[in-house]
Amino acid sequence: MASPVVLFLILAIFQTTVLLAQAGDPDITSDFLIPAGTTLDANFFTFKGLKGSLWGAPKEGPFKVTKASMIEFPALNGQSVSYAALQYAPGGINPPHTHPRSAELLIVLQGSIKVGFVDSTNKLFTQVLYAGDLFVFPKGLVHFQANMDASYPAVALSAFGSANAGTVSLPKNLFASGIGIDVLAKSFKTDGRTIRSIVSANMA
């Protein structure tokens, strides 16, 4: 018969494995969560905010993301799922960023995009995707998307395993958050003048 210490270690390992296997969102103890003052009917579970975002270039700027997370669609709270429609003008990019609480599963709906992510060993994985292709960005890893076509727009739809996956945009996070010029200059092995130029561009 196993000793109490061995049994405790087995139980601890099992519990840790279960916790690691859980989704990014906490489990809820009801079918769904209803915000105070909400009228509960089918409209609560319906979101129409992606209309106009699933075809063509964004009306303004080189890139636009239209989210359907728990912020825009409260019925998703506690459901561990959300969407984002991504529109790229010709040559438009979605700059390097991460999602701390979820992996991202992207499908291209229109045009073609180049995608990539960098793993924890600093290895870059890239692919060119066309309409109907899917690509997964593992949870928390830095990734990007770019429409390399100079003439035609591209559109993609991303699914997340969290109602609020979160987005950390590296250019904004590094150069528009107030980190000291000296720290950034030393980190990127460059001079303060170069960093100030980058900071100015990202603060605009």
Protein backbone atom coordinates (compact mmCIF):
# COMPACT_ATOMS: atom_id res chain seq x y z
CA MET A 1 0.00 0.00 0.00
CA ALA A 2 1.31 3.47 -0.94
CA SER A 3 2.43 5.73 1.89
CA PRO A 4 0.39 8.84 2.79
CA VAL A 5 3.18 11.04 1.36
CA VAL A 6 3.06 9.25 -2.01
CA LEU A 7 -0.75 9.46 -2.07
CA PHE A 8 -0.57 13.16 -1.28
CA LEU A 9 1.92 13.77 -4.10
CA ILE A 10 -0.25 11.84 -6.58
CA LEU A 11 -3.30 13.86 -5.53
CA ALA A 12 -1.36 17.13 -5.79
CA ILE A 13 -0.12 16.29 -9.30
CA PHE A 14 -3.65 15.31 -10.36
CA GLN A 15 -5.13 18.55 -9.04
CA THR A 16 -2.41 20.62 -10.74
CA THR A 17 -3.06 18.85 -14.05
CA VAL A 18 -6.79 19.54 -13.78
CA LEU A 19 -6.17 23.22 -13.05
CA LEU A 20 -3.78 23.57 -16.00
CA ALA A 21 -6.31 21.92 -18.31
CA GLN A 22 -9.06 24.41 -17.50
CA ALA A 23 -9.98 27.19 -19.92
CA GLY A 24 -8.81 30.75 -19.39
CA ASP A 25 -12.19 31.76 -17.95
CA PRO A 26 -13.46 30.57 -14.56
CA ASP A 27 -16.29 28.03 -14.56
CA ILE A 28 -19.74 29.34 -13.67
CA THR A 29 -22.30 27.53 -11.54
CA SER A 30 -25.32 28.52 -13.64
CA ASP A 31 -26.28 28.15 -17.28
CA PHE A 32 -25.36 31.76 -18.01
CA LEU A 33 -24.73 35.09 -16.31
CA ILE A 34 -27.29 37.88 -16.58
CA PRO A 35 -26.27 41.52 -15.97
CA ALA A 36 -28.50 43.42 -13.57
CA GLY A 37 -31.44 45.11 -15.24
CA THR A 38 -31.29 42.89 -18.35
CA THR A 39 -34.46 41.62 -20.01
CA LEU A 40 -33.88 37.93 -20.60
CA ASP A 41 -35.08 36.87 -24.02
CA ALA A 42 -33.51 35.66 -27.27
CA ASN A 43 -32.17 39.15 -27.98
CA PHE A 44 -29.79 38.79 -25.02
CA PHE A 45 -28.12 35.85 -26.78
CA THR A 46 -27.94 37.60 -30.18
CA PHE A 47 -25.15 39.86 -31.44
CA LYS A 48 -25.35 41.72 -34.74
CA GLY A 49 -22.26 43.87 -34.41
CA LEU A 50 -20.16 41.98 -36.96
CA LYS A 51 -22.36 42.97 -39.90
CA GLY A 52 -20.36 45.00 -42.35
CA SER A 53 -17.08 43.64 -40.97
CA LEU A 54 -16.99 40.33 -42.84
CA TRP A 55 -16.24 41.66 -46.32
CA GLY A 56 -14.07 44.37 -47.84
CA ALA A 57 -11.49 46.80 -46.57
CA PRO A 58 -11.96 48.91 -43.45
CA LYS A 59 -13.52 52.29 -44.14
CA GLU A 60 -10.78 54.06 -42.21
CA GLY A 61 -7.14 53.12 -41.71
CA PRO A 62 -5.07 50.13 -42.84
CA PHE A 63 -6.52 47.67 -40.30
CA LYS A 64 -9.68 47.31 -38.24
CA VAL A 65 -10.73 44.79 -35.60
CA THR A 66 -14.40 44.42 -34.64
CA LYS A 67 -14.77 42.42 -31.43
CA ALA A 68 -17.54 40.25 -30.08
CA SER A 69 -16.23 39.70 -26.55
CA MET A 70 -18.08 39.85 -23.23
CA ILE A 71 -17.66 43.64 -23.32
CA GLU A 72 -19.58 44.05 -26.57
CA PHE A 73 -21.73 40.93 -26.12
CA PRO A 74 -22.49 40.40 -22.39
CA ALA A 75 -24.08 36.98 -22.98
CA LEU A 76 -20.56 35.62 -23.52
CA ASN A 77 -19.60 36.24 -19.90
CA GLY A 78 -18.79 32.84 -18.41
CA GLN A 79 -19.05 31.01 -21.75
CA SER A 80 -15.30 30.92 -22.56
CA VAL A 81 -15.74 31.96 -26.19
CA SER A 82 -15.52 35.12 -28.30
CA TYR A 83 -14.93 36.31 -31.87
CA ALA A 84 -13.13 39.10 -33.69
CA ALA A 85 -13.55 40.18 -37.31
CA LEU A 86 -10.30 41.42 -38.85
CA GLN A 87 -10.25 43.69 -41.92
CA TYR A 88 -7.03 44.53 -43.72
CA ALA A 89 -6.70 47.23 -46.36
CA PRO A 90 -4.20 46.50 -49.15
CA GLY A 91 -0.84 46.35 -47.38
CA GLY A 92 -2.51 46.56 -43.94
CA ILE A 93 -1.08 44.82 -40.88
CA ASN A 94 -2.16 43.70 -37.44
CA PRO A 95 1.06 44.53 -35.52
CA PRO A 96 2.80 42.02 -33.23
CA HIS A 97 0.66 41.36 -30.16
CA THR A 98 -0.37 38.67 -27.68
CA HIS A 99 -3.58 37.37 -26.11
CA PRO A 100 -2.75 36.46 -22.49
CA ARG A 101 -5.90 34.46 -21.77
CA SER A 102 -6.51 32.42 -24.93
CA ALA A 103 -5.22 30.80 -28.08
CA GLU A 104 -6.57 32.26 -31.34
CA LEU A 105 -8.02 30.24 -34.21
CA LEU A 106 -8.12 32.34 -37.38
CA ILE A 107 -9.89 31.60 -40.67
CA VAL A 108 -9.41 33.71 -43.79
CA LEU A 109 -12.69 34.78 -45.41
CA GLN A 110 -11.40 36.99 -48.21
CA GLY A 111 -8.05 37.55 -49.90
CA SER A 112 -4.80 36.28 -48.45
CA ILE A 113 -2.70 37.16 -45.40
CA LYS A 114 0.73 36.32 -44.11
CA VAL A 115 0.67 35.19 -40.49
CA GLY A 116 3.29 34.22 -37.97
CA PHE A 117 4.11 33.65 -34.32
CA VAL A 118 7.27 33.32 -32.24
CA ASP A 119 7.52 30.53 -29.65
CA SER A 120 9.33 30.59 -26.30
CA THR A 121 12.58 29.41 -27.96
CA ASN A 122 12.48 32.46 -30.28
CA LYS A 123 11.58 30.35 -33.33
CA LEU A 124 9.41 32.06 -35.94
CA PHE A 125 6.61 30.13 -37.66
CA THR A 126 5.09 31.83 -40.72
CA GLN A 127 2.52 30.89 -43.34
CA VAL A 128 0.60 32.52 -46.18
CA LEU A 129 -3.13 31.82 -45.84
CA TYR A 130 -5.87 32.01 -48.44
CA ALA A 131 -9.68 32.06 -48.17
CA GLY A 132 -10.81 28.97 -46.25
CA ASP A 133 -7.43 28.35 -44.56
CA LEU A 134 -7.19 28.17 -40.76
CA PHE A 135 -4.21 28.91 -38.50
CA VAL A 136 -3.84 28.66 -34.73
CA PHE A 137 -1.82 31.09 -32.63
CA PRO A 138 -0.95 29.39 -29.31
CA LYS A 139 -2.00 31.14 -26.13
CA GLY A 140 0.17 34.01 -24.98
CA LEU A 141 2.68 33.93 -27.86
CA VAL A 142 3.61 36.99 -29.90
CA HIS A 143 1.98 36.89 -33.35
CA PHE A 144 1.04 39.09 -36.31
CA GLN A 145 -0.94 39.18 -39.55
CA ALA A 146 -0.22 41.13 -42.74
CA ASN A 147 -2.02 41.62 -46.03
CA MET A 148 0.88 41.46 -48.48
CA ASP A 149 -1.33 42.29 -51.46
CA ALA A 150 -0.94 45.92 -52.50
CA SER A 151 -4.21 45.95 -54.50
CA TYR A 152 -6.86 43.89 -52.70
CA PRO A 153 -8.24 43.82 -49.13
CA ALA A 154 -8.37 40.77 -46.88
CA VAL A 155 -10.77 39.68 -44.16
CA ALA A 156 -10.39 37.05 -41.43
CA LEU A 157 -12.44 35.85 -38.48
CA SER A 158 -10.79 34.81 -35.20
CA ALA A 159 -12.25 32.62 -32.46
CA PHE A 160 -10.97 32.65 -28.87
CA GLY A 161 -11.34 30.24 -25.96
CA SER A 162 -12.13 33.09 -23.60
CA ALA A 163 -14.91 35.64 -23.35
CA ASN A 164 -12.20 38.25 -22.80
CA ALA A 165 -8.93 37.04 -24.36
CA GLY A 166 -7.19 40.37 -23.85
CA THR A 167 -4.81 42.00 -26.32
CA VAL A 168 -1.34 43.32 -25.59
CA SER A 169 -0.07 45.29 -28.60
CA LEU A 170 3.72 45.27 -28.46
CA PRO A 171 4.33 48.63 -30.20
CA LYS A 172 1.86 50.42 -27.90
CA ASN A 173 2.83 48.40 -24.84
CA LEU A 174 6.52 49.14 -25.24
CA PHE A 175 6.59 52.61 -26.74
CA ALA A 176 3.40 54.31 -25.57
CA SER A 177 3.18 53.17 -21.95
CA GLY A 178 5.69 55.50 -20.31
CA ILE A 179 8.66 53.13 -20.05
CA GLY A 180 11.76 55.30 -19.70
CA ILE A 181 13.68 56.30 -22.83
CA ASP A 182 16.94 55.15 -21.24
CA VAL A 183 15.52 51.72 -20.42
CA LEU A 184 14.20 51.25 -23.96
CA ALA A 185 17.43 52.51 -25.55
CA LYS A 186 19.54 50.06 -23.53
CA SER A 187 17.07 47.21 -24.11
CA PHE A 188 17.08 47.70 -27.90
CA LYS A 189 20.79 48.62 -28.02
CA THR A 190 20.18 51.95 -29.69
CA ASP A 191 20.22 55.65 -28.80
CA GLY A 192 17.64 57.87 -27.10
CA ARG A 193 16.95 59.88 -30.25
CA THR A 194 15.83 56.76 -32.12
CA ILE A 195 13.62 55.67 -29.23
CA ARG A 196 12.04 59.13 -28.95
CA SER A 197 11.15 58.97 -32.64
CA ILE A 198 9.48 55.58 -32.19
CA VAL A 199 7.68 56.73 -29.04
CA SER A 200 6.39 59.83 -30.84
CA ALA A 201 5.04 57.70 -33.71
CA ASN A 202 3.23 55.33 -31.34
CA MET A 203 1.75 58.11 -29.21
CA ALA A 204 0.03 59.64 -32.24
